[in-house]
Amino acid sequence: MIETHKRSILKAITWRILAAIITTSIAFLFTRETALSIGIGFFDTLIKLFGYYLHERAWNRTSFGKA
């Protein structure tokens, strides 16, 4: 079964929300600065959301591991 673009986008968004919370929390533990931590989490999310989508679409083009 091939995933739709809509499904790939939704998966990327929900994963990035969770990952942003984790990244922001870790940044806060190291910096103790709320604004900086939120900025790190925000920019990390923007970059990785696009990367994740491209990664998913590339894997969807291969038959490796599909039954």
N, C-alpha and C. Protein backbone atom coordinates (compact mmCIF):
# COMPACT_ATOMS: atom_id res chain seq x y z
N MET A 1 0.84 -1.17 0.00
CA MET A 1 0.00 0.00 0.00
C MET A 1 0.90 1.25 0.00
N ILE A 2 0.57 2.21 -0.82
CA ILE A 2 1.32 3.45 -0.90
C ILE A 2 0.59 4.52 -0.11
N GLU A 3 1.34 5.24 0.70
CA GLU A 3 0.74 6.33 1.49
C GLU A 3 0.44 7.52 0.61
N THR A 4 -0.62 8.23 0.97
CA THR A 4 -0.95 9.46 0.25
C THR A 4 -0.07 10.59 0.78
N HIS A 5 0.01 11.66 0.01
CA HIS A 5 0.76 12.84 0.46
C HIS A 5 0.14 13.40 1.74
N LYS A 6 -1.18 13.38 1.81
CA LYS A 6 -1.89 13.89 2.99
C LYS A 6 -1.49 13.13 4.26
N ARG A 7 -1.42 11.80 4.16
CA ARG A 7 -1.03 10.98 5.30
C ARG A 7 0.42 11.27 5.71
N SER A 8 1.30 11.37 4.73
CA SER A 8 2.71 11.67 5.02
C SER A 8 2.84 13.03 5.72
N ILE A 9 2.09 14.01 5.27
CA ILE A 9 2.13 15.34 5.88
C ILE A 9 1.62 15.29 7.31
N LEU A 10 0.51 14.61 7.55
CA LEU A 10 -0.05 14.51 8.90
C LEU A 10 0.90 13.78 9.85
N LYS A 11 1.53 12.70 9.38
CA LYS A 11 2.50 11.98 10.19
C LYS A 11 3.68 12.88 10.54
N ALA A 12 4.15 13.64 9.57
CA ALA A 12 5.28 14.54 9.80
C ALA A 12 4.92 15.61 10.82
N ILE A 13 3.74 16.17 10.72
CA ILE A 13 3.31 17.23 11.65
C ILE A 13 3.18 16.70 13.07
N THR A 14 2.51 15.57 13.24
CA THR A 14 2.31 15.04 14.60
C THR A 14 3.64 14.61 15.23
N TRP A 15 4.52 14.03 14.45
CA TRP A 15 5.83 13.66 14.99
C TRP A 15 6.61 14.90 15.38
N ARG A 16 6.60 15.93 14.55
CA ARG A 16 7.37 17.14 14.82
C ARG A 16 6.84 17.88 16.05
N ILE A 17 5.56 17.81 16.33
CA ILE A 17 5.03 18.42 17.56
C ILE A 17 5.67 17.75 18.77
N LEU A 18 5.66 16.44 18.79
CA LEU A 18 6.27 15.71 19.90
C LEU A 18 7.77 15.99 19.97
N ALA A 19 8.43 15.94 18.84
CA ALA A 19 9.88 16.17 18.81
C ALA A 19 10.23 17.60 19.23
N ALA A 20 9.40 18.58 18.86
CA ALA A 20 9.64 19.97 19.26
C ALA A 20 9.55 20.13 20.77
N ILE A 21 8.60 19.46 21.37
CA ILE A 21 8.47 19.51 22.83
C ILE A 21 9.73 18.93 23.48
N ILE A 22 10.21 17.82 22.95
CA ILE A 22 11.42 17.19 23.49
C ILE A 22 12.63 18.11 23.30
N THR A 23 12.81 18.64 22.09
CA THR A 23 13.96 19.51 21.79
C THR A 23 13.93 20.77 22.66
N THR A 24 12.76 21.39 22.78
CA THR A 24 12.62 22.60 23.58
C THR A 24 12.94 22.31 25.05
N SER A 25 12.48 21.18 25.53
CA SER A 25 12.74 20.81 26.92
C SER A 25 14.23 20.59 27.18
N ILE A 26 14.89 19.91 26.25
CA ILE A 26 16.32 19.67 26.41
C ILE A 26 17.09 20.99 26.34
N ALA A 27 16.71 21.85 25.39
CA ALA A 27 17.37 23.15 25.27
C ALA A 27 17.20 23.96 26.56
N PHE A 28 16.01 23.89 27.15
CA PHE A 28 15.76 24.61 28.40
C PHE A 28 16.61 24.06 29.54
N LEU A 29 16.75 22.75 29.59
CA LEU A 29 17.58 22.14 30.64
C LEU A 29 19.03 22.63 30.57
N PHE A 30 19.52 22.85 29.35
CA PHE A 30 20.90 23.31 29.17
C PHE A 30 21.06 24.82 29.34
N THR A 31 20.06 25.59 28.86
CA THR A 31 20.22 27.06 28.83
C THR A 31 19.50 27.78 29.96
N ARG A 32 18.43 27.18 30.45
CA ARG A 32 17.55 27.83 31.45
C ARG A 32 16.99 29.16 30.93
N GLU A 33 16.90 29.28 29.60
CA GLU A 33 16.35 30.48 28.96
C GLU A 33 15.15 30.08 28.11
N THR A 34 13.97 30.55 28.52
CA THR A 34 12.74 30.16 27.85
C THR A 34 12.69 30.58 26.40
N ALA A 35 12.97 31.86 26.11
CA ALA A 35 12.87 32.36 24.74
C ALA A 35 13.85 31.64 23.81
N LEU A 36 15.06 31.46 24.26
CA LEU A 36 16.06 30.76 23.45
C LEU A 36 15.64 29.31 23.19
N SER A 37 15.13 28.66 24.21
CA SER A 37 14.70 27.27 24.08
C SER A 37 13.55 27.13 23.08
N ILE A 38 12.60 28.05 23.15
CA ILE A 38 11.48 28.03 22.21
C ILE A 38 11.98 28.29 20.79
N GLY A 39 12.90 29.22 20.63
CA GLY A 39 13.47 29.50 19.31
C GLY A 39 14.18 28.29 18.73
N ILE A 40 14.95 27.61 19.55
CA ILE A 40 15.65 26.40 19.10
C ILE A 40 14.63 25.35 18.67
N GLY A 41 13.61 25.13 19.49
CA GLY A 41 12.57 24.15 19.16
C GLY A 41 11.83 24.51 17.88
N PHE A 42 11.55 25.79 17.68
CA PHE A 42 10.81 26.25 16.50
C PHE A 42 11.62 26.03 15.22
N PHE A 43 12.86 26.49 15.20
CA PHE A 43 13.67 26.35 13.99
C PHE A 43 14.05 24.91 13.71
N ASP A 44 14.28 24.14 14.74
CA ASP A 44 14.53 22.72 14.59
C ASP A 44 13.33 22.05 13.92
N THR A 45 12.14 22.42 14.34
CA THR A 45 10.91 21.85 13.77
C THR A 45 10.75 22.20 12.30
N LEU A 46 10.96 23.45 11.95
CA LEU A 46 10.81 23.86 10.55
C LEU A 46 11.74 23.08 9.63
N ILE A 47 12.97 22.96 10.02
CA ILE A 47 13.97 22.28 9.19
C ILE A 47 13.67 20.79 9.10
N LYS A 48 13.39 20.17 10.22
CA LYS A 48 13.21 18.72 10.24
C LYS A 48 11.85 18.28 9.70
N LEU A 49 10.84 19.14 9.77
CA LEU A 49 9.53 18.79 9.20
C LEU A 49 9.67 18.58 7.69
N PHE A 50 10.34 19.50 7.04
CA PHE A 50 10.56 19.38 5.59
C PHE A 50 11.43 18.16 5.27
N GLY A 51 12.47 17.95 6.04
CA GLY A 51 13.36 16.81 5.83
C GLY A 51 12.65 15.48 6.01
N TYR A 52 11.80 15.40 7.03
CA TYR A 52 11.06 14.16 7.29
C TYR A 52 10.11 13.85 6.14
N TYR A 53 9.42 14.85 5.65
CA TYR A 53 8.48 14.64 4.55
C TYR A 53 9.22 14.09 3.32
N LEU A 54 10.35 14.70 2.96
CA LEU A 54 11.12 14.24 1.82
C LEU A 54 11.62 12.80 2.03
N HIS A 55 12.05 12.50 3.25
CA HIS A 55 12.52 11.17 3.59
C HIS A 55 11.41 10.13 3.43
N GLU A 56 10.23 10.44 3.94
CA GLU A 56 9.08 9.53 3.82
C GLU A 56 8.72 9.28 2.36
N ARG A 57 8.70 10.34 1.56
CA ARG A 57 8.33 10.20 0.16
C ARG A 57 9.38 9.38 -0.59
N ALA A 58 10.64 9.55 -0.27
CA ALA A 58 11.70 8.77 -0.92
C ALA A 58 11.55 7.28 -0.58
N TRP A 59 11.30 6.96 0.68
CA TRP A 59 11.13 5.57 1.09
C TRP A 59 9.88 4.96 0.47
N ASN A 60 8.89 5.78 0.23
CA ASN A 60 7.65 5.28 -0.35
C ASN A 60 7.86 4.85 -1.80
N ARG A 61 8.91 5.30 -2.44
CA ARG A 61 9.20 4.95 -3.83
C ARG A 61 9.94 3.62 -3.97
N THR A 62 10.42 3.07 -2.89
CA THR A 62 11.15 1.82 -2.96
C THR A 62 10.30 0.66 -2.46
N SER A 63 10.57 -0.51 -2.98
CA SER A 63 9.81 -1.68 -2.54
C SER A 63 10.51 -2.42 -1.41
N PHE A 64 11.68 -1.95 -0.99
CA PHE A 64 12.45 -2.61 0.07
C PHE A 64 11.61 -2.76 1.34
N GLY A 65 11.47 -3.98 1.83
CA GLY A 65 10.78 -4.24 3.08
C GLY A 65 9.27 -4.31 2.99
N LYS A 66 8.72 -4.16 1.81
CA LYS A 66 7.26 -4.27 1.63
C LYS A 66 6.90 -5.69 1.29
N ALA A 67 5.80 -6.15 1.85
CA ALA A 67 5.37 -7.52 1.57
C ALA A 67 4.40 -7.54 0.41
